[in-house]
Protein backbone atom coordinates (compact mmCIF):
# COMPACT_ATOMS: atom_id res chain seq x y z
CA MET A 1 61.64 -31.30 -37.15
CA ASN A 2 64.28 -28.74 -36.24
CA HIS A 3 63.59 -25.34 -34.68
CA LYS A 4 63.92 -23.44 -37.96
CA GLU A 5 61.42 -25.66 -39.77
CA LEU A 6 59.04 -25.49 -36.80
CA LYS A 7 59.04 -21.69 -36.98
CA LYS A 8 58.17 -21.91 -40.69
CA LEU A 9 55.32 -24.30 -39.95
CA MET A 10 53.93 -22.06 -37.20
CA GLY A 11 54.14 -19.07 -39.52
CA MET A 12 52.23 -20.91 -42.25
CA ILE A 13 49.57 -21.99 -39.74
CA ALA A 14 49.21 -18.40 -38.46
CA ILE A 15 48.79 -17.06 -42.01
CA PHE A 16 46.24 -19.79 -42.80
CA LEU A 17 44.17 -19.04 -39.68
CA LEU A 18 44.31 -15.30 -40.41
CA ALA A 19 43.08 -15.87 -43.97
CA TYR A 20 40.44 -18.39 -42.85
CA PHE A 21 38.85 -16.13 -40.25
CA LEU A 22 39.34 -12.82 -42.10
CA PRO A 23 36.10 -10.83 -41.56
CA VAL A 24 35.97 -9.52 -45.13
CA TYR A 25 32.23 -8.73 -44.98
CA ASN A 26 32.32 -6.96 -41.61
CA LEU A 27 31.57 -3.26 -42.14
CA ARG A 28 33.99 -2.04 -39.48
CA PHE A 29 36.77 -4.19 -40.93
CA ILE A 30 36.10 -2.82 -44.43
CA GLN A 31 36.01 0.74 -43.06
CA ALA A 32 39.31 0.17 -41.23
CA ILE A 33 40.95 -1.02 -44.47
CA ASN A 34 39.63 2.05 -46.28
CA GLU A 35 40.96 4.26 -43.49
CA ALA A 36 44.39 2.60 -43.73
CA LEU A 37 44.51 3.24 -47.48
CA ALA A 38 43.19 6.79 -46.98
CA LEU A 39 45.95 7.53 -44.46
CA LEU A 40 48.58 6.09 -46.80
CA ARG A 41 47.24 8.19 -49.70
CA TRP A 42 47.13 11.33 -47.54
CA TYR A 43 50.64 10.70 -46.25
CA ALA A 44 51.97 10.20 -49.78
CA ARG A 45 50.34 13.43 -50.96
CA GLU A 46 51.10 15.63 -47.98
CA HIS A 47 54.45 14.42 -46.66
CA VAL A 48 56.57 12.33 -49.00
CA LEU A 49 57.42 14.97 -51.61
CA LEU A 50 57.58 18.06 -49.40
CA CYS A 51 58.87 16.52 -46.15
CA LEU A 52 60.65 13.24 -46.65
CA VAL A 53 62.43 13.84 -49.95
CA PRO A 54 64.14 17.05 -48.71
CA ALA A 55 64.90 15.22 -45.45
CA PHE A 56 66.61 12.42 -47.40
CA PHE A 57 68.81 14.93 -49.21
CA ILE A 58 69.62 16.66 -45.90
CA ALA A 59 70.54 13.30 -44.36
CA GLY A 60 72.73 12.68 -47.40
CA VAL A 61 74.48 16.00 -46.74
CA ILE A 62 75.19 14.89 -43.17
CA SER A 63 76.64 11.59 -44.40
CA VAL A 64 78.81 12.98 -47.19
CA PHE A 65 79.60 16.65 -46.58
CA ILE A 66 79.66 16.87 -42.79
CA SER A 67 82.77 15.04 -41.70
CA GLN A 68 82.70 12.41 -39.01
CA ALA A 69 85.13 14.57 -37.05
CA ALA A 70 82.66 17.49 -37.08
CA VAL A 71 79.77 15.33 -35.82
CA ILE A 72 82.01 13.81 -33.15
CA LYS A 73 83.19 17.29 -32.19
CA TYR A 74 79.69 18.52 -31.34
CA LEU A 75 77.68 15.34 -30.63
CA GLY A 76 80.18 12.54 -30.06
CA ALA A 77 82.70 11.43 -27.46
CA LYS A 78 84.94 14.44 -28.04
CA ALA A 79 82.14 16.90 -27.39
CA LYS A 80 81.46 18.56 -24.07
CA LYS A 81 78.33 16.90 -22.70
CA TRP A 82 76.50 20.14 -22.03
CA LEU A 83 77.19 21.32 -25.59
CA ALA A 84 76.15 18.02 -27.19
CA TYR A 85 72.82 17.88 -25.36
CA LEU A 86 72.18 21.61 -25.83
CA VAL A 87 72.67 21.32 -29.61
CA ALA A 88 70.53 18.18 -29.80
CA SER A 89 67.72 19.31 -27.51
CA VAL A 90 66.97 22.65 -29.20
CA SER A 91 67.33 21.42 -32.76
CA GLY A 92 63.57 21.11 -33.13
CA THR A 93 63.11 24.87 -33.02
CA ILE A 94 64.49 25.13 -36.59
CA LEU A 95 62.95 21.91 -37.94
CA ALA A 96 59.16 21.91 -38.46
CA VAL A 97 59.21 18.15 -38.98
CA CYS A 98 57.06 15.21 -37.93
CA SER A 99 58.14 12.02 -36.17
CA CYS A 100 58.85 10.37 -39.53
CA THR A 101 60.65 13.21 -41.33
CA VAL A 102 63.23 13.43 -38.52
CA LEU A 103 64.23 9.76 -39.01
CA PRO A 104 66.65 10.19 -41.94
CA LEU A 105 68.35 13.06 -40.09
CA PHE A 106 68.65 10.95 -36.93
CA ALA A 107 70.07 8.02 -38.91
CA GLY A 108 72.53 10.39 -40.58
CA ILE A 109 74.04 11.87 -37.42
CA TYR A 110 74.08 8.49 -35.65
CA LYS A 111 75.85 6.90 -38.60
CA ARG A 112 78.47 9.69 -38.57
CA GLY A 113 79.40 9.02 -34.95
CA ALA A 114 77.03 10.99 -32.71
CA GLY A 115 76.76 9.55 -29.20
CA LEU A 116 73.64 7.49 -28.52
CA GLY A 117 72.43 9.96 -25.87
CA PRO A 118 72.70 13.15 -27.99
CA ALA A 119 71.33 11.30 -31.04
CA ILE A 120 68.28 10.19 -29.04
CA ALA A 121 67.87 13.74 -27.69
CA PHE A 122 67.85 14.99 -31.30
CA LEU A 123 65.41 12.24 -32.34
CA TYR A 124 62.93 13.30 -29.64
CA SER A 125 63.38 17.06 -29.90
CA GLY A 126 63.13 17.29 -33.70
CA PRO A 127 59.36 16.78 -33.96
CA ALA A 128 58.52 17.71 -30.34
CA ILE A 129 59.79 21.29 -30.04
CA ASN A 130 59.20 23.00 -33.36
CA ILE A 131 58.34 26.63 -32.75
CA LEU A 132 55.18 26.67 -34.89
CA ALA A 133 53.63 23.83 -32.88
CA ILE A 134 54.44 25.56 -29.60
CA ILE A 135 52.82 28.82 -30.73
CA LEU A 136 49.73 27.00 -32.03
CA THR A 137 49.41 25.02 -28.80
CA ALA A 138 49.53 28.18 -26.69
CA ARG A 139 47.04 30.03 -28.90
CA ILE A 140 44.43 27.28 -29.20
CA LEU A 141 44.85 25.06 -26.12
CA GLY A 142 45.99 27.71 -23.65
CA MET A 143 49.19 29.37 -22.53
CA GLU A 144 49.77 26.91 -19.68
CA LEU A 145 49.73 23.92 -22.06
CA GLY A 146 52.02 25.76 -24.50
CA ILE A 147 54.59 26.55 -21.79
CA ALA A 148 54.32 23.06 -20.28
CA ARG A 149 54.87 21.52 -23.71
CA VAL A 150 58.09 23.38 -24.47
CA VAL A 151 59.52 22.90 -20.95
CA GLY A 152 58.55 19.24 -20.93
CA ALA A 153 59.86 18.54 -24.43
CA VAL A 154 63.29 20.13 -23.85
CA SER A 155 63.60 18.38 -20.49
CA PHE A 156 62.47 15.04 -21.94
CA SER A 157 65.01 15.12 -24.75
CA ILE A 158 67.90 15.69 -22.34
CA VAL A 159 66.73 13.32 -19.58
CA ILE A 160 65.86 10.48 -21.96
CA GLY A 161 69.16 10.90 -23.79
CA LEU A 162 71.11 10.82 -20.51
CA ILE A 163 69.24 7.75 -19.22
CA ILE A 164 69.81 5.79 -22.43
CA GLN A 165 73.45 6.85 -22.46
CA LEU A 166 73.73 5.57 -18.88
CA ILE A 167 71.99 2.26 -19.61
CA TYR A 168 74.30 1.54 -22.56
CA ARG A 169 77.38 3.16 -21.03
CA LYS A 170 79.60 0.12 -21.63
CA GLU A 171 78.77 0.05 -25.32
CA GLU A 172 79.16 3.81 -25.58
CA HIS A 173 82.49 3.64 -23.71
CA GLU A 174 83.86 1.32 -26.38
CA LYS A 175 82.57 3.69 -29.04
CA THR A 176 84.21 6.59 -27.19
CA GLU A 177 87.61 4.90 -27.17
CA VAL A 178 87.40 4.34 -30.92
CA GLN A 179 86.41 7.96 -31.54
CA LEU A 180 89.19 9.35 -29.35
CA ALA A 181 91.69 7.35 -31.41
CA ILE A 182 90.47 8.91 -34.68
CA PRO A 183 92.90 11.65 -35.79
CA GLU A 184 91.54 15.03 -36.77
CA PRO A 185 91.24 14.92 -40.58
CA GLU A 186 91.68 17.94 -42.78
CA GLU A 187 88.45 19.47 -43.92
CA VAL A 188 88.09 19.41 -47.70
CA ARG A 189 86.28 22.74 -47.67
CA PRO A 190 85.70 25.63 -45.25
CA LEU A 191 83.05 24.94 -42.62
CA TRP A 192 80.96 27.90 -43.77
CA GLN A 193 80.47 26.32 -47.21
CA THR A 194 79.15 23.08 -45.75
CA ALA A 195 76.94 25.04 -43.33
CA TYR A 196 75.60 27.18 -46.19
CA HIS A 197 74.69 24.11 -48.27
CA PHE A 198 73.08 22.40 -45.27
CA PHE A 199 71.03 25.33 -44.01
CA VAL A 200 69.72 26.27 -47.46
CA LEU A 201 68.28 22.76 -47.71
CA VAL A 202 66.86 23.01 -44.17
CA ALA A 203 65.26 26.37 -45.04
CA ILE A 204 63.66 24.84 -48.14
CA LEU A 205 62.27 22.02 -45.98
CA VAL A 206 60.88 24.52 -43.45
CA PHE A 207 59.24 26.95 -45.89
CA THR A 208 57.72 24.40 -48.27
CA ASN A 209 55.92 22.92 -45.25
CA TRP A 210 54.87 26.21 -43.69
CA GLY A 211 51.30 25.69 -42.49
CA LYS A 212 48.46 28.16 -42.98
CA PRO A 213 47.86 30.17 -39.76
CA ASP A 214 44.41 30.72 -38.30
CA VAL A 215 44.58 34.44 -39.14
CA THR A 216 44.47 36.27 -42.47
CA THR A 217 46.81 39.14 -41.60
CA GLY A 218 50.17 39.62 -39.96
CA PHE A 219 53.68 38.27 -40.38
CA TRP A 220 52.90 34.53 -40.13
CA PHE A 221 50.16 34.80 -42.74
CA TRP A 222 52.48 36.79 -45.02
CA ILE A 223 55.09 34.05 -44.84
CA TRP A 224 52.49 31.39 -45.67
CA ALA A 225 51.08 33.44 -48.56
CA ASN A 226 54.57 33.92 -50.01
CA LYS A 227 56.16 30.60 -49.04
CA TRP A 228 56.65 29.46 -52.64
CA LEU A 229 58.23 32.79 -53.59
CA ILE A 230 60.58 32.39 -50.62
CA THR A 231 61.25 28.78 -51.71
CA GLY A 232 62.12 30.05 -55.20
CA ILE A 233 64.63 32.50 -53.74
CA LEU A 234 66.11 29.70 -51.64
CA GLY A 235 66.26 27.59 -54.79
CA THR A 236 68.44 30.26 -56.40
CA LEU A 237 70.73 30.22 -53.35
CA PHE A 238 70.82 26.43 -53.65
CA MET A 239 71.92 26.71 -57.29
CA ALA A 240 74.78 28.93 -56.13
CA SER A 241 75.72 26.25 -53.61
CA LEU A 242 75.80 23.57 -56.31
CA ILE A 243 78.20 25.73 -58.28
CA LEU A 244 80.41 27.14 -55.52
CA VAL A 245 80.38 24.34 -52.94
CA LEU A 246 79.93 21.19 -55.03
CA LYS A 247 81.90 22.61 -57.99
CA ILE A 248 79.31 21.54 -60.58
CA LYS A 249 79.76 23.42 -63.85
CA ILE A 250 77.52 26.46 -64.26
CA LYS A 251 76.15 25.33 -67.63
CA TYR A 252 74.94 22.02 -66.17
CA VAL A 253 73.27 23.72 -63.20
CA LEU A 254 71.52 26.21 -65.50
CA LEU A 255 70.46 23.40 -67.82
CA ALA A 256 68.96 21.51 -64.85
CA ALA A 257 67.21 24.68 -63.64
CA LEU A 258 65.57 25.38 -67.03
CA PRO A 259 62.72 22.81 -66.75
CA VAL A 260 62.05 24.00 -63.19
CA VAL A 261 61.62 27.59 -64.39
CA LEU A 262 59.39 26.44 -67.27
CA ALA A 263 57.21 24.42 -64.89
CA ALA A 264 56.86 27.47 -62.61
CA VAL A 265 55.90 29.66 -65.60
CA PHE A 266 53.39 27.27 -67.19
CA PHE A 267 51.87 26.05 -63.90
CA PRO A 268 52.00 29.13 -61.63
CA HIS A 269 49.11 27.93 -59.45
CA GLN A 270 50.51 24.42 -58.99
CA PRO A 271 53.91 24.98 -57.38
CA LEU A 272 54.21 21.31 -56.46
CA ILE A 273 54.82 20.51 -60.13
CA ALA A 274 57.87 22.79 -60.23
CA PHE A 275 59.05 21.30 -56.92
CA VAL A 276 58.84 17.74 -58.29
CA VAL A 277 60.64 18.78 -61.47
CA ALA A 278 63.35 20.33 -59.28
CA ILE A 279 63.77 17.04 -57.38
CA VAL A 280 64.08 15.09 -60.64
CA ALA A 281 66.50 17.64 -62.10
CA LEU A 282 68.67 17.57 -58.97
CA SER A 283 68.70 13.77 -58.98
CA VAL A 284 69.77 13.63 -62.64
CA LEU A 285 72.36 16.36 -62.16
CA THR A 286 73.99 14.69 -59.16
CA ALA A 287 73.78 11.22 -60.75
CA LEU A 288 75.75 12.46 -63.78
CA THR A 289 78.37 14.39 -61.79
CA PRO A 290 81.19 12.16 -60.46
CA GLY A 291 82.62 12.59 -56.96
CA GLU A 292 80.74 14.12 -54.06
CA PRO A 293 77.49 14.83 -55.96
CA GLN A 294 77.13 11.14 -56.86
CA GLU A 295 78.01 10.12 -53.30
CA TRP A 296 75.40 12.57 -52.00
CA LEU A 297 72.69 11.06 -54.20
CA GLY A 298 73.78 7.55 -53.25
CA GLU A 299 73.57 8.24 -49.51
CA SER A 300 70.19 9.97 -49.92
CA TRP A 301 68.88 6.98 -51.86
CA GLY A 302 70.22 4.66 -49.17
CA PHE A 303 68.19 6.46 -46.50
CA ALA A 304 65.10 6.35 -48.74
CA LYS A 305 65.43 2.59 -49.22
CA GLN A 306 65.75 2.09 -45.47
CA VAL A 307 62.96 4.39 -44.34
CA LEU A 308 60.17 4.39 -46.95
CA PRO A 309 59.11 0.69 -46.88
CA LEU A 310 58.91 0.66 -43.07
CA LEU A 311 57.02 3.96 -43.03
CA ALA A 312 54.49 2.69 -45.57
CA ALA A 313 53.87 -0.44 -43.49
CA GLY A 314 53.59 1.56 -40.28
CA VAL A 315 51.18 4.11 -41.79
CA LEU A 316 48.92 1.31 -43.06
CA ILE A 317 48.84 -0.39 -39.65
CA ALA A 318 48.24 2.92 -37.81
CA GLY A 319 45.40 3.81 -40.19
CA PHE A 320 43.81 0.37 -39.82
CA LEU A 321 43.90 0.53 -36.02
CA LEU A 322 43.11 4.19 -35.35
CA GLY A 323 41.64 5.68 -38.52
CA GLY A 324 42.70 8.09 -41.23
CA PRO A 325 43.39 11.83 -41.41
CA GLU A 326 39.78 13.02 -41.59
CA ASN A 327 38.73 11.85 -38.11
CA GLY A 328 37.87 8.45 -39.57
CA GLN A 329 37.17 5.32 -37.56
CA GLY A 330 39.74 2.54 -37.50
CA ILE A 331 39.15 -0.92 -36.09
CA ILE A 332 39.42 0.71 -32.62
CA PRO A 333 36.43 3.10 -32.20
CA ASN A 334 37.35 6.73 -31.48
CA ARG A 335 34.75 6.90 -28.69
CA TRP A 336 36.73 4.28 -26.78
CA ILE A 337 39.78 6.52 -26.81
CA SER A 338 37.78 9.63 -25.81
CA SER A 339 36.13 7.82 -22.90
CA LEU A 340 39.46 6.51 -21.58
CA VAL A 341 41.34 9.82 -21.31
CA GLY A 342 38.98 11.79 -19.07
CA GLY A 343 40.03 12.91 -15.60
CA ASN A 344 43.55 12.81 -14.19
CA SER A 345 43.95 9.19 -13.14
CA LEU A 346 47.11 7.18 -13.70
CA PHE A 347 45.29 5.07 -16.28
CA ALA A 348 43.96 8.10 -18.21
CA ASN A 349 47.42 9.65 -18.48
CA PHE A 350 49.08 6.33 -19.30
CA PHE A 351 46.51 5.53 -21.98
CA ALA A 352 46.88 9.01 -23.50
CA SER A 353 50.66 8.56 -23.62
CA LEU A 354 50.46 5.05 -25.05
CA ALA A 355 47.79 5.88 -27.64
CA GLY A 356 49.70 9.01 -28.65
CA ALA A 357 52.90 6.99 -29.02
CA PHE A 358 51.30 4.66 -31.58
CA MET A 359 49.20 7.24 -33.44
CA TYR A 360 50.68 9.23 -36.32
CA PHE A 361 50.54 13.03 -36.04
CA ALA A 362 51.63 15.18 -38.94
CA THR A 363 53.30 18.43 -37.88
CA LEU A 364 50.74 20.73 -36.20
CA THR A 365 47.81 18.29 -36.60
CA GLU A 366 48.00 17.21 -32.97
CA VAL A 367 46.57 20.55 -31.84
CA PRO A 368 43.14 20.40 -33.58
CA ILE A 369 42.88 16.68 -32.69
CA LEU A 370 43.48 17.51 -29.02
CA GLN A 371 41.05 20.41 -29.24
CA GLY A 372 38.33 17.93 -30.22
CA LEU A 373 39.32 15.43 -27.50
CA ILE A 374 39.35 18.16 -24.80
CA ALA A 375 35.89 19.26 -25.95
CA ASN A 376 34.77 15.65 -25.40
CA GLY A 377 36.06 15.53 -21.83
CA MET A 378 39.79 14.87 -22.06
CA GLY A 379 41.68 16.11 -18.99
CA LYS A 380 44.46 18.68 -19.28
CA GLY A 381 46.99 16.28 -17.82
CA SER A 382 46.11 13.63 -20.40
CA ALA A 383 46.30 16.30 -23.10
CA LEU A 384 49.86 17.20 -22.09
CA ALA A 385 50.80 13.51 -21.86
CA LEU A 386 49.61 13.00 -25.44
CA LEU A 387 51.41 16.17 -26.58
CA LEU A 388 54.69 14.94 -25.11
CA ALA A 389 54.42 11.37 -26.46
CA GLY A 390 52.42 11.72 -29.67
CA PRO A 391 54.33 14.07 -32.00
CA ALA A 392 57.70 12.52 -31.11
CA LEU A 393 56.59 8.91 -31.67
CA SER A 394 54.41 6.86 -34.00
CA LEU A 395 54.23 3.25 -35.09
CA PRO A 396 56.00 4.00 -38.40
CA ASN A 397 58.64 5.95 -36.45
CA MET A 398 59.27 2.98 -34.13
CA LEU A 399 59.75 0.55 -37.01
CA VAL A 400 62.45 2.73 -38.57
CA ILE A 401 64.20 3.48 -35.25
CA ARG A 402 64.43 -0.27 -34.66
CA SER A 403 66.24 -0.69 -37.98
CA VAL A 404 68.80 1.95 -36.93
CA ILE A 405 69.54 1.18 -33.26
CA GLY A 406 67.98 -2.25 -32.71
CA THR A 407 64.94 -3.67 -30.95
CA GLN A 408 66.12 -3.38 -27.35
CA LYS A 409 67.16 0.28 -27.52
CA THR A 410 63.93 1.13 -29.33
CA ILE A 411 61.82 -0.50 -26.60
CA VAL A 412 63.80 1.37 -23.92
CA TYR A 413 63.36 4.69 -25.76
CA VAL A 414 59.61 4.27 -26.32
CA SER A 415 59.07 3.10 -22.74
CA LEU A 416 60.92 6.10 -21.33
CA VAL A 417 58.84 8.51 -23.42
CA VAL A 418 55.54 6.89 -22.39
CA VAL A 419 56.42 6.66 -18.68
CA MET A 420 57.76 10.22 -18.46
CA ALA A 421 54.78 11.61 -20.39
CA THR A 422 52.42 9.77 -18.02
CA ILE A 423 54.10 11.14 -14.88
CA THR A 424 54.32 14.67 -16.28
CA GLY A 425 50.67 14.59 -17.34
CA MET A 426 49.57 13.56 -13.85
CA LEU A 427 51.61 16.34 -12.23
CA PHE A 428 50.29 18.92 -14.66
CA GLY A 429 46.70 17.70 -14.21
CA ALA A 430 47.05 17.93 -10.44
CA ILE A 431 48.28 21.54 -10.66
CA PHE A 432 45.83 22.77 -13.31
């Protein structure tokens, strides 16, 4: 029997043994399955339509409308290193995204020629440094944790990017030589038009996901209370972009906008219906318009095909192991985790970093989760370690990163995040 057939036989034996010993009547096992399905359902309801779908379209913009030369200019071999890492490391302040929503954007800039180091810096910073999470951390968990989080996250993104760039310097050197040989192409449109189209989509992503603050007055509450009105205004600006930037005929854009307006009128208290209708209308409009609109839809669909199956699998596994969104119990009891992250030992900080790396945190949800863990005895150092590893990583996130940059680079990236979060947590715990 050759090696290939032996692998098949071993796989069949493993599946048989798994099926044979499956504890289908064990209550914890049944609960863990329910938690996995609950997390998948919650993720589909809370994140796919409002987070991932806009992110896919934004990634499509990067692939089609932002030229390779532009990406290389700011994030590739032709960019000044300080500029590339500065742009990548602070990007999270304008993107209120989770560790999964950032993936299509990361894949987009990496595909267009961004250096591995700056691309990794962007991948980490996107979900780790969003301004809403920093403010919430400082308000609820304390100013020192809020400041430590932002300083640590910015530093992590740069240091991890530089280390990975150094480790794979030979590979990146070959990539650099290729990029330096690429002539500067003529831009098909002014840069401001591409920027306008891109940032309108980013603004829609940000405001549709604007979380409810813990106060009922003030500026942040006003934005939340009017986020769908703001999204509607941005939608009008987006229509103008379709006409002026993509050169789609006005009558077709207005025809596509009509069902969106009707949905908003007939379902004023269910804005998600109008949002879904808008997604469908945009997809049909771009599918029927030859040239760049069709290319845009095609690239967006390509990212969806790559990311969604891996995310679904990762969310199911994470839910099974660690529980669902409502503080549910996975196959690993929550009390085990709480008891292992007390104090400021090396193990407590390492475990907090490692557990955070595999758990899934939606944007801003890490703060109330940590609030509960701290109340149950979690040390401040361990809390910071989880804050620095958790939002930027998750099991679904790792599966998709592996499909973009490969297994080895993914292991190096995850290991660097966990180790640096552990060391930083210990230092912070020793000081505070």
